[in-house]
Amino acid sequence: DIWLQVQFHLDAMQGVYITGKSFQNAGQVRSHGTQNLLFHFLPLMAGLHDVKGITILDMVTAQEYHQDRLCQVMVLRRSE
């Protein structure tokens, strides 16, 4: 079992940014377990964007696991 925190680094994000707190404690995660977390993002421009700038922190050992890209999102302009 490990205790995890998810951190978003705004300086590494482009086009789509996290809103609110830039970190969230995931709590205890068991081996082969999952944990659902809810984050809100703010798109600043239309287009295909990588959601990146994420680090997973092991709260006990302080070991950091940098994630290259979480996913891609397509942001469309609202038609007027």
N, C-alpha and C. Protein backbone atom coordinates (compact mmCIF):
# COMPACT_ATOMS: atom_id res chain seq x y z
N ASP A 1 0.84 -1.19 0.00
CA ASP A 1 0.00 0.00 0.00
C ASP A 1 0.88 1.25 0.00
N ILE A 2 0.46 2.27 -0.71
CA ILE A 2 1.18 3.53 -0.74
C ILE A 2 0.19 4.68 -0.56
N TRP A 3 0.70 5.81 -0.08
CA TRP A 3 -0.09 7.03 0.09
C TRP A 3 0.35 8.00 -0.99
N LEU A 4 -0.58 8.42 -1.83
CA LEU A 4 -0.22 9.22 -2.99
C LEU A 4 -0.84 10.61 -2.99
N GLN A 5 -0.14 11.52 -3.67
CA GLN A 5 -0.66 12.86 -3.94
C GLN A 5 -0.44 13.13 -5.43
N VAL A 6 -1.45 13.71 -6.09
CA VAL A 6 -1.34 14.09 -7.50
C VAL A 6 -1.11 15.60 -7.54
N GLN A 7 -0.06 16.00 -8.25
CA GLN A 7 0.30 17.42 -8.35
C GLN A 7 0.30 17.85 -9.81
N PHE A 8 -0.24 19.04 -10.08
CA PHE A 8 -0.21 19.63 -11.41
C PHE A 8 0.72 20.84 -11.36
N HIS A 9 1.63 20.92 -12.32
CA HIS A 9 2.59 22.02 -12.39
C HIS A 9 2.16 22.96 -13.51
N LEU A 10 1.64 24.13 -13.13
CA LEU A 10 1.08 25.07 -14.10
C LEU A 10 2.09 25.52 -15.14
N ASP A 11 3.37 25.61 -14.77
CA ASP A 11 4.38 26.06 -15.73
C ASP A 11 4.60 25.07 -16.87
N ALA A 12 4.17 23.82 -16.70
CA ALA A 12 4.33 22.81 -17.75
C ALA A 12 3.05 22.60 -18.56
N MET A 13 1.96 23.27 -18.18
CA MET A 13 0.68 23.10 -18.87
C MET A 13 0.55 24.15 -19.97
N GLN A 14 -0.11 23.78 -21.07
CA GLN A 14 -0.33 24.70 -22.18
C GLN A 14 -1.70 24.47 -22.77
N GLY A 15 -2.45 25.54 -22.96
CA GLY A 15 -3.76 25.44 -23.61
C GLY A 15 -4.89 25.05 -22.69
N VAL A 16 -4.65 24.07 -21.80
CA VAL A 16 -5.65 23.59 -20.84
C VAL A 16 -4.97 23.57 -19.47
N TYR A 17 -5.58 24.26 -18.51
CA TYR A 17 -4.98 24.41 -17.18
C TYR A 17 -5.91 23.89 -16.09
N ILE A 18 -5.30 23.43 -15.00
CA ILE A 18 -6.07 23.00 -13.84
C ILE A 18 -6.66 24.23 -13.17
N THR A 19 -7.87 24.12 -12.65
CA THR A 19 -8.47 25.20 -11.87
C THR A 19 -8.56 24.75 -10.42
N GLY A 20 -8.54 25.68 -9.53
CA GLY A 20 -8.58 25.34 -8.10
C GLY A 20 -7.22 24.90 -7.60
N LYS A 21 -7.20 24.02 -6.60
CA LYS A 21 -5.94 23.55 -6.03
C LYS A 21 -5.15 22.78 -7.07
N SER A 22 -3.85 22.96 -7.07
CA SER A 22 -3.01 22.28 -8.04
C SER A 22 -2.50 20.92 -7.53
N PHE A 23 -3.05 20.46 -6.43
CA PHE A 23 -2.71 19.12 -5.93
C PHE A 23 -3.92 18.52 -5.25
N GLN A 24 -3.90 17.20 -5.13
CA GLN A 24 -4.98 16.51 -4.42
C GLN A 24 -4.41 15.23 -3.83
N ASN A 25 -4.69 14.98 -2.56
CA ASN A 25 -4.27 13.74 -1.92
C ASN A 25 -5.18 12.61 -2.36
N ALA A 26 -4.57 11.53 -2.83
CA ALA A 26 -5.33 10.36 -3.25
C ALA A 26 -5.54 9.41 -2.09
N GLY A 27 -4.78 9.60 -1.01
CA GLY A 27 -4.90 8.72 0.14
C GLY A 27 -4.18 7.40 -0.10
N GLN A 28 -4.62 6.39 0.62
CA GLN A 28 -3.98 5.08 0.54
C GLN A 28 -4.48 4.35 -0.70
N VAL A 29 -3.53 3.84 -1.49
CA VAL A 29 -3.86 3.05 -2.68
C VAL A 29 -3.21 1.69 -2.51
N ARG A 30 -4.03 0.65 -2.56
CA ARG A 30 -3.52 -0.72 -2.40
C ARG A 30 -2.85 -1.21 -3.68
N SER A 31 -2.02 -2.20 -3.55
CA SER A 31 -1.37 -2.81 -4.70
C SER A 31 -2.42 -3.26 -5.71
N HIS A 32 -2.25 -2.91 -6.97
CA HIS A 32 -3.17 -3.21 -8.07
C HIS A 32 -4.53 -2.54 -7.87
N GLY A 33 -4.60 -1.55 -6.99
CA GLY A 33 -5.85 -0.84 -6.71
C GLY A 33 -5.99 0.39 -7.58
N THR A 34 -7.14 1.01 -7.51
CA THR A 34 -7.41 2.25 -8.23
C THR A 34 -8.00 3.27 -7.27
N GLN A 35 -7.93 4.51 -7.68
CA GLN A 35 -8.51 5.60 -6.91
C GLN A 35 -9.06 6.62 -7.90
N ASN A 36 -10.30 7.02 -7.74
CA ASN A 36 -10.90 8.03 -8.61
C ASN A 36 -10.73 9.41 -7.99
N LEU A 37 -10.26 10.35 -8.80
CA LEU A 37 -10.10 11.74 -8.37
C LEU A 37 -10.78 12.63 -9.39
N LEU A 38 -11.33 13.75 -8.94
CA LEU A 38 -12.01 14.68 -9.81
C LEU A 38 -11.21 15.97 -9.89
N PHE A 39 -10.90 16.38 -11.13
CA PHE A 39 -10.19 17.63 -11.37
C PHE A 39 -10.98 18.45 -12.38
N HIS A 40 -10.89 19.76 -12.28
CA HIS A 40 -11.54 20.66 -13.23
C HIS A 40 -10.47 21.41 -14.00
N PHE A 41 -10.67 21.51 -15.32
CA PHE A 41 -9.71 22.17 -16.19
C PHE A 41 -10.36 23.34 -16.89
N LEU A 42 -9.53 24.31 -17.25
CA LEU A 42 -9.98 25.50 -17.96
C LEU A 42 -9.24 25.58 -19.29
N PRO A 43 -9.96 25.45 -20.42
CA PRO A 43 -9.29 25.60 -21.72
C PRO A 43 -9.16 27.08 -22.07
N LEU A 44 -8.01 27.46 -22.59
CA LEU A 44 -7.78 28.85 -22.97
C LEU A 44 -7.84 29.08 -24.47
N MET A 45 -7.73 28.01 -25.25
CA MET A 45 -7.80 28.16 -26.70
C MET A 45 -8.30 26.86 -27.32
N ALA A 46 -8.91 27.00 -28.49
CA ALA A 46 -9.41 25.83 -29.20
C ALA A 46 -8.24 25.03 -29.77
N GLY A 47 -8.46 23.74 -29.97
CA GLY A 47 -7.45 22.88 -30.57
C GLY A 47 -7.24 21.61 -29.76
N LEU A 48 -6.31 20.79 -30.23
CA LEU A 48 -5.95 19.55 -29.55
C LEU A 48 -4.82 19.85 -28.58
N HIS A 49 -5.02 19.51 -27.31
CA HIS A 49 -4.03 19.84 -26.28
C HIS A 49 -3.67 18.59 -25.46
N ASP A 50 -2.39 18.52 -25.08
CA ASP A 50 -1.94 17.50 -24.14
C ASP A 50 -2.22 17.98 -22.73
N VAL A 51 -2.77 17.11 -21.89
CA VAL A 51 -2.87 17.40 -20.46
C VAL A 51 -1.60 16.84 -19.84
N LYS A 52 -0.70 17.74 -19.44
CA LYS A 52 0.61 17.32 -18.94
C LYS A 52 1.01 18.20 -17.77
N GLY A 53 2.21 17.96 -17.24
CA GLY A 53 2.67 18.70 -16.07
C GLY A 53 2.23 18.05 -14.78
N ILE A 54 2.09 16.72 -14.80
CA ILE A 54 1.56 15.98 -13.65
C ILE A 54 2.66 15.17 -12.99
N THR A 55 2.68 15.21 -11.67
CA THR A 55 3.60 14.41 -10.87
C THR A 55 2.80 13.65 -9.83
N ILE A 56 3.13 12.37 -9.67
CA ILE A 56 2.55 11.56 -8.60
C ILE A 56 3.59 11.47 -7.50
N LEU A 57 3.22 11.84 -6.29
CA LEU A 57 4.15 11.86 -5.16
C LEU A 57 3.78 10.77 -4.17
N ASP A 58 4.76 9.92 -3.83
CA ASP A 58 4.60 8.95 -2.75
C ASP A 58 4.82 9.72 -1.46
N MET A 59 3.79 9.88 -0.66
CA MET A 59 3.84 10.72 0.54
C MET A 59 4.74 10.15 1.63
N VAL A 60 5.02 8.86 1.61
CA VAL A 60 5.86 8.25 2.64
C VAL A 60 7.34 8.38 2.30
N THR A 61 7.71 8.06 1.06
CA THR A 61 9.13 8.07 0.67
C THR A 61 9.56 9.37 0.00
N ALA A 62 8.60 10.23 -0.37
CA ALA A 62 8.85 11.48 -1.10
C ALA A 62 9.37 11.23 -2.52
N GLN A 63 9.20 10.00 -3.01
CA GLN A 63 9.59 9.67 -4.38
C GLN A 63 8.57 10.28 -5.34
N GLU A 64 9.07 10.96 -6.38
CA GLU A 64 8.19 11.59 -7.37
C GLU A 64 8.20 10.79 -8.66
N TYR A 65 7.01 10.65 -9.26
CA TYR A 65 6.86 9.95 -10.53
C TYR A 65 6.26 10.95 -11.52
N HIS A 66 7.10 11.44 -12.42
CA HIS A 66 6.66 12.43 -13.40
C HIS A 66 5.93 11.73 -14.55
N GLN A 67 4.78 12.27 -14.91
CA GLN A 67 3.98 11.72 -16.00
C GLN A 67 4.14 12.62 -17.22
N ASP A 68 4.53 12.04 -18.33
CA ASP A 68 4.77 12.82 -19.54
C ASP A 68 3.48 13.44 -20.06
N ARG A 69 2.45 12.64 -20.21
CA ARG A 69 1.17 13.14 -20.74
C ARG A 69 0.06 12.27 -20.18
N LEU A 70 -0.91 12.90 -19.56
CA LEU A 70 -2.05 12.16 -19.00
C LEU A 70 -3.01 11.74 -20.11
N CYS A 71 -3.34 12.69 -20.98
CA CYS A 71 -4.25 12.42 -22.08
C CYS A 71 -4.23 13.61 -23.03
N GLN A 72 -5.01 13.51 -24.09
CA GLN A 72 -5.21 14.62 -25.00
C GLN A 72 -6.69 15.00 -24.96
N VAL A 73 -6.97 16.29 -25.08
CA VAL A 73 -8.34 16.78 -25.13
C VAL A 73 -8.51 17.69 -26.34
N MET A 74 -9.68 17.62 -26.94
CA MET A 74 -10.00 18.50 -28.05
C MET A 74 -10.92 19.59 -27.53
N VAL A 75 -10.53 20.84 -27.70
CA VAL A 75 -11.31 21.99 -27.27
C VAL A 75 -11.87 22.65 -28.53
N LEU A 76 -13.19 22.77 -28.58
CA LEU A 76 -13.86 23.38 -29.72
C LEU A 76 -14.38 24.76 -29.33
N ARG A 77 -14.44 25.64 -30.31
CA ARG A 77 -15.04 26.94 -30.07
C ARG A 77 -16.54 26.81 -30.09
N ARG A 78 -17.17 27.56 -29.20
CA ARG A 78 -18.62 27.59 -29.17
C ARG A 78 -19.09 28.42 -30.36
N SER A 79 -19.98 27.86 -31.16
CA SER A 79 -20.47 28.63 -32.31
C SER A 79 -21.43 29.70 -31.83
N GLU A 80 -21.35 30.83 -32.44
CA GLU A 80 -22.17 31.97 -31.99
C GLU A 80 -23.43 32.09 -32.80
